[in-house]
Amino acid sequence: MKMYPNADIPVLQMSIPTHDPEKLFAIGAKLAPLREEGVMIIGSGFLTHGLRYLKEFRIEATPPNWSIEFDLWAKEVLERGAIDELLNYKALAPALAYAHPTVEHFAPIFIALGASSTPEIAPTTAIDGYWMGLSKRSFQVA
């Protein structure tokens, strides 16, 4: 409601049928033609989501090292347009066991990137910062 308070755009919510990043990226690629029709594709979820490892439950809490490490890794990888590295996050991402003990809050990024990915346009940070120590970094591709 904050993005479009008049609720004047259609919304279609999708389920995540798998947690396999390459399959999710391929699903996103199949949705890519919708962008030419003016459809906005959003993958929602926090960039880090290790709630069980938080020590402070305050909005302004100091981010734990694992949240910072994962956030900076994802930022750097995406700004370089190294989608292949992101797809291989299980082997490459630092502090993954803490940042994403389960992957459902990270998986939507693969559909969104598949739908928007063009090699010459790297995603840029639209929102950054932390909430309760969790990274709320959001990316966009024009």
C-alpha atoms as a PDB file:
ATOM      1  CA  MET A   1       0.000   0.000   0.000  1.00  0.00           C
ATOM      2  CA  LYS A   2       2.900   2.392   0.537  1.00  0.00           C
ATOM      3  CA  MET A   3       4.170   2.082  -3.035  1.00  0.00           C
ATOM      4  CA  TYR A   4       0.744   2.510  -4.619  1.00  0.00           C
ATOM      5  CA  PRO A   5      -1.667   3.835  -1.971  1.00  0.00           C
ATOM      6  CA  ASN A   6      -4.555   3.979  -4.444  1.00  0.00           C
ATOM      7  CA  ALA A   7      -4.123   0.255  -5.141  1.00  0.00           C
ATOM      8  CA  ASP A   8      -4.480   1.069  -8.823  1.00  0.00           C
ATOM      9  CA  ILE A   9      -2.142  -1.570 -10.221  1.00  0.00           C
ATOM     10  CA  PRO A  10      -2.900  -5.262 -10.548  1.00  0.00           C
ATOM     11  CA  VAL A  11      -0.979  -7.615  -8.280  1.00  0.00           C
ATOM     12  CA  LEU A  12      -0.304 -11.300  -8.798  1.00  0.00           C
ATOM     13  CA  GLN A  13       1.291 -13.147  -5.917  1.00  0.00           C
ATOM     14  CA  MET A  14       3.357 -16.218  -6.757  1.00  0.00           C
ATOM     15  CA  SER A  15       4.426 -19.134  -4.631  1.00  0.00           C
ATOM     16  CA  ILE A  16       8.037 -20.232  -4.689  1.00  0.00           C
ATOM     17  CA  PRO A  17       7.871 -23.774  -6.123  1.00  0.00           C
ATOM     18  CA  THR A  18      11.506 -24.636  -5.356  1.00  0.00           C
ATOM     19  CA  HIS A  19      14.501 -23.225  -3.529  1.00  0.00           C
ATOM     20  CA  ASP A  20      16.900 -24.125  -6.348  1.00  0.00           C
ATOM     21  CA  PRO A  21      18.387 -20.772  -7.440  1.00  0.00           C
ATOM     22  CA  GLU A  22      18.929 -21.763 -11.076  1.00  0.00           C
ATOM     23  CA  LYS A  23      15.347 -23.014 -11.443  1.00  0.00           C
ATOM     24  CA  LEU A  24      14.016 -19.841  -9.825  1.00  0.00           C
ATOM     25  CA  PHE A  25      16.181 -17.717 -12.129  1.00  0.00           C
ATOM     26  CA  ALA A  26      14.763 -19.643 -15.120  1.00  0.00           C
ATOM     27  CA  ILE A  27      11.202 -19.006 -13.900  1.00  0.00           C
ATOM     28  CA  GLY A  28      12.057 -15.324 -13.686  1.00  0.00           C
ATOM     29  CA  ALA A  29      13.462 -15.375 -17.220  1.00  0.00           C
ATOM     30  CA  LYS A  30      10.124 -16.750 -18.451  1.00  0.00           C
ATOM     31  CA  LEU A  31       8.394 -13.805 -16.774  1.00  0.00           C
ATOM     32  CA  ALA A  32      10.763 -11.273 -18.378  1.00  0.00           C
ATOM     33  CA  PRO A  33       8.497 -10.535 -21.396  1.00  0.00           C
ATOM     34  CA  LEU A  34       5.921  -9.148 -18.965  1.00  0.00           C
ATOM     35  CA  ARG A  35       8.281  -6.237 -18.333  1.00  0.00           C
ATOM     36  CA  GLU A  36       7.741  -5.136 -21.938  1.00  0.00           C
ATOM     37  CA  GLU A  37       4.034  -4.897 -21.077  1.00  0.00           C
ATOM     38  CA  GLY A  38       4.773  -2.571 -18.162  1.00  0.00           C
ATOM     39  CA  VAL A  39       4.534  -5.201 -15.442  1.00  0.00           C
ATOM     40  CA  MET A  40       6.697  -4.575 -12.384  1.00  0.00           C
ATOM     41  CA  ILE A  41       8.210  -7.735 -10.910  1.00  0.00           C
ATOM     42  CA  ILE A  42       9.125  -7.645  -7.228  1.00  0.00           C
ATOM     43  CA  GLY A  43      10.887 -10.309  -5.203  1.00  0.00           C
ATOM     44  CA  SER A  44      10.362  -9.532  -1.529  1.00  0.00           C
ATOM     45  CA  GLY A  45      12.294 -10.690   1.486  1.00  0.00           C
ATOM     46  CA  PHE A  46      15.062  -9.345   3.700  1.00  0.00           C
ATOM     47  CA  LEU A  47      18.622  -9.683   2.461  1.00  0.00           C
ATOM     48  CA  THR A  48      19.423 -11.293   5.810  1.00  0.00           C
ATOM     49  CA  HIS A  49      16.906 -13.133   7.938  1.00  0.00           C
ATOM     50  CA  GLY A  50      18.637 -14.885  10.825  1.00  0.00           C
ATOM     51  CA  LEU A  51      16.045 -13.949  13.437  1.00  0.00           C
ATOM     52  CA  ARG A  52      17.012 -16.755  15.781  1.00  0.00           C
ATOM     53  CA  TYR A  53      20.545 -15.355  16.035  1.00  0.00           C
ATOM     54  CA  LEU A  54      19.605 -11.801  16.969  1.00  0.00           C
ATOM     55  CA  LYS A  55      20.612 -10.692  20.435  1.00  0.00           C
ATOM     56  CA  GLU A  56      18.731  -7.374  20.477  1.00  0.00           C
ATOM     57  CA  PHE A  57      15.143  -6.929  19.397  1.00  0.00           C
ATOM     58  CA  ARG A  58      15.231  -3.189  18.850  1.00  0.00           C
ATOM     59  CA  ILE A  59      14.684  -1.480  15.507  1.00  0.00           C
ATOM     60  CA  GLU A  60      17.962   0.441  15.903  1.00  0.00           C
ATOM     61  CA  ALA A  61      19.964  -2.612  17.077  1.00  0.00           C
ATOM     62  CA  THR A  62      23.589  -2.888  16.017  1.00  0.00           C
ATOM     63  CA  PRO A  63      23.789  -5.353  13.117  1.00  0.00           C
ATOM     64  CA  PRO A  64      25.642  -8.563  13.958  1.00  0.00           C
ATOM     65  CA  ASN A  65      28.810  -9.296  11.965  1.00  0.00           C
ATOM     66  CA  TRP A  66      27.138 -12.114  10.030  1.00  0.00           C
ATOM     67  CA  SER A  67      24.440  -9.727   8.772  1.00  0.00           C
ATOM     68  CA  ILE A  68      27.011  -7.136   7.694  1.00  0.00           C
ATOM     69  CA  GLU A  69      29.233  -9.741   5.991  1.00  0.00           C
ATOM     70  CA  PHE A  70      26.400 -11.284   3.990  1.00  0.00           C
ATOM     71  CA  ASP A  71      24.962  -7.875   3.080  1.00  0.00           C
ATOM     72  CA  LEU A  72      28.293  -6.544   1.800  1.00  0.00           C
ATOM     73  CA  TRP A  73      28.973  -9.752  -0.137  1.00  0.00           C
ATOM     74  CA  ALA A  74      25.588  -9.635  -1.895  1.00  0.00           C
ATOM     75  CA  LYS A  75      25.943  -5.907  -2.615  1.00  0.00           C
ATOM     76  CA  GLU A  76      29.373  -6.367  -4.170  1.00  0.00           C
ATOM     77  CA  VAL A  77      28.337  -9.417  -6.205  1.00  0.00           C
ATOM     78  CA  LEU A  78      25.217  -7.739  -7.567  1.00  0.00           C
ATOM     79  CA  GLU A  79      26.912  -4.427  -8.327  1.00  0.00           C
ATOM     80  CA  ARG A  80      29.436  -6.349 -10.434  1.00  0.00           C
ATOM     81  CA  GLY A  81      26.560  -8.113 -12.177  1.00  0.00           C
ATOM     82  CA  ALA A  82      28.048 -11.471 -11.139  1.00  0.00           C
ATOM     83  CA  ILE A  83      24.733 -13.315 -11.146  1.00  0.00           C
ATOM     84  CA  ASP A  84      26.550 -16.650 -11.485  1.00  0.00           C
ATOM     85  CA  GLU A  85      28.209 -16.032  -8.114  1.00  0.00           C
ATOM     86  CA  LEU A  86      24.883 -15.208  -6.510  1.00  0.00           C
ATOM     87  CA  LEU A  87      23.390 -18.401  -7.951  1.00  0.00           C
ATOM     88  CA  ASN A  88      26.262 -20.247  -6.251  1.00  0.00           C
ATOM     89  CA  TYR A  89      25.602 -18.503  -2.924  1.00  0.00           C
ATOM     90  CA  LYS A  90      25.565 -21.764  -0.944  1.00  0.00           C
ATOM     91  CA  ALA A  91      29.270 -22.223  -1.670  1.00  0.00           C
ATOM     92  CA  LEU A  92      30.352 -18.573  -1.795  1.00  0.00           C
ATOM     93  CA  ALA A  93      28.304 -16.454   0.608  1.00  0.00           C
ATOM     94  CA  PRO A  94      29.858 -15.679   3.979  1.00  0.00           C
ATOM     95  CA  ALA A  95      27.880 -16.344   7.154  1.00  0.00           C
ATOM     96  CA  LEU A  96      25.078 -18.051   5.210  1.00  0.00           C
ATOM     97  CA  ALA A  97      24.079 -20.334   8.090  1.00  0.00           C
ATOM     98  CA  TYR A  98      23.305 -17.245  10.178  1.00  0.00           C
ATOM     99  CA  ALA A  99      22.096 -14.854   7.475  1.00  0.00           C
ATOM    100  CA  HIS A 100      19.668 -17.412   6.025  1.00  0.00           C
ATOM    101  CA  PRO A 101      19.199 -20.503   8.206  1.00  0.00           C
ATOM    102  CA  THR A 102      16.340 -21.247   5.805  1.00  0.00           C
ATOM    103  CA  VAL A 103      16.235 -19.827   2.307  1.00  0.00           C
ATOM    104  CA  GLU A 104      12.601 -18.806   1.731  1.00  0.00           C
ATOM    105  CA  HIS A 105      13.314 -15.137   2.459  1.00  0.00           C
ATOM    106  CA  PHE A 106      16.255 -15.059   0.044  1.00  0.00           C
ATOM    107  CA  ALA A 107      14.812 -17.179  -2.788  1.00  0.00           C
ATOM    108  CA  PRO A 108      12.596 -14.443  -4.338  1.00  0.00           C
ATOM    109  CA  ILE A 109      15.693 -12.520  -5.418  1.00  0.00           C
ATOM    110  CA  PHE A 110      16.414 -15.193  -8.029  1.00  0.00           C
ATOM    111  CA  ILE A 111      13.025 -14.837  -9.740  1.00  0.00           C
ATOM    112  CA  ALA A 112      13.328 -11.054  -9.776  1.00  0.00           C
ATOM    113  CA  LEU A 113      16.861 -11.207 -11.171  1.00  0.00           C
ATOM    114  CA  GLY A 114      15.857 -13.756 -13.795  1.00  0.00           C
ATOM    115  CA  ALA A 115      13.032 -11.505 -14.921  1.00  0.00           C
ATOM    116  CA  SER A 116      15.195  -8.418 -15.082  1.00  0.00           C
ATOM    117  CA  SER A 117      18.683  -9.631 -15.765  1.00  0.00           C
ATOM    118  CA  THR A 118      20.531  -8.163 -18.686  1.00  0.00           C
ATOM    119  CA  PRO A 119      24.314  -8.507 -18.654  1.00  0.00           C
ATOM    120  CA  GLU A 120      24.929  -4.850 -19.454  1.00  0.00           C
ATOM    121  CA  ILE A 121      22.753  -3.539 -16.605  1.00  0.00           C
ATOM    122  CA  ALA A 122      23.859  -4.501 -13.105  1.00  0.00           C
ATOM    123  CA  PRO A 123      21.360  -4.175 -10.250  1.00  0.00           C
ATOM    124  CA  THR A 124      21.781  -1.089  -8.073  1.00  0.00           C
ATOM    125  CA  THR A 125      20.921  -0.546  -4.442  1.00  0.00           C
ATOM    126  CA  ALA A 126      17.542   1.136  -4.007  1.00  0.00           C
ATOM    127  CA  ILE A 127      17.286   0.823  -0.207  1.00  0.00           C
ATOM    128  CA  ASP A 128      19.965  -0.023   2.305  1.00  0.00           C
ATOM    129  CA  GLY A 129      20.372  -0.090   6.039  1.00  0.00           C
ATOM    130  CA  TYR A 130      19.395  -2.434   8.826  1.00  0.00           C
ATOM    131  CA  TRP A 131      16.259  -3.135  10.815  1.00  0.00           C
ATOM    132  CA  MET A 132      16.732  -4.969  14.111  1.00  0.00           C
ATOM    133  CA  GLY A 133      20.188  -5.902  12.813  1.00  0.00           C
ATOM    134  CA  LEU A 134      18.850  -7.500   9.629  1.00  0.00           C
ATOM    135  CA  SER A 135      19.842  -6.121   6.235  1.00  0.00           C
ATOM    136  CA  LYS A 136      16.921  -4.552   4.424  1.00  0.00           C
ATOM    137  CA  ARG A 137      18.988  -3.835   1.293  1.00  0.00           C
ATOM    138  CA  SER A 138      16.847  -3.830  -1.836  1.00  0.00           C
ATOM    139  CA  PHE A 139      18.025  -3.874  -5.428  1.00  0.00           C
ATOM    140  CA  GLN A 140      16.494  -2.654  -8.640  1.00  0.00           C
ATOM    141  CA  VAL A 141      17.143  -3.101 -12.322  1.00  0.00           C
ATOM    142  CA  ALA A 142      15.736  -0.433 -14.603  1.00  0.00           C
END
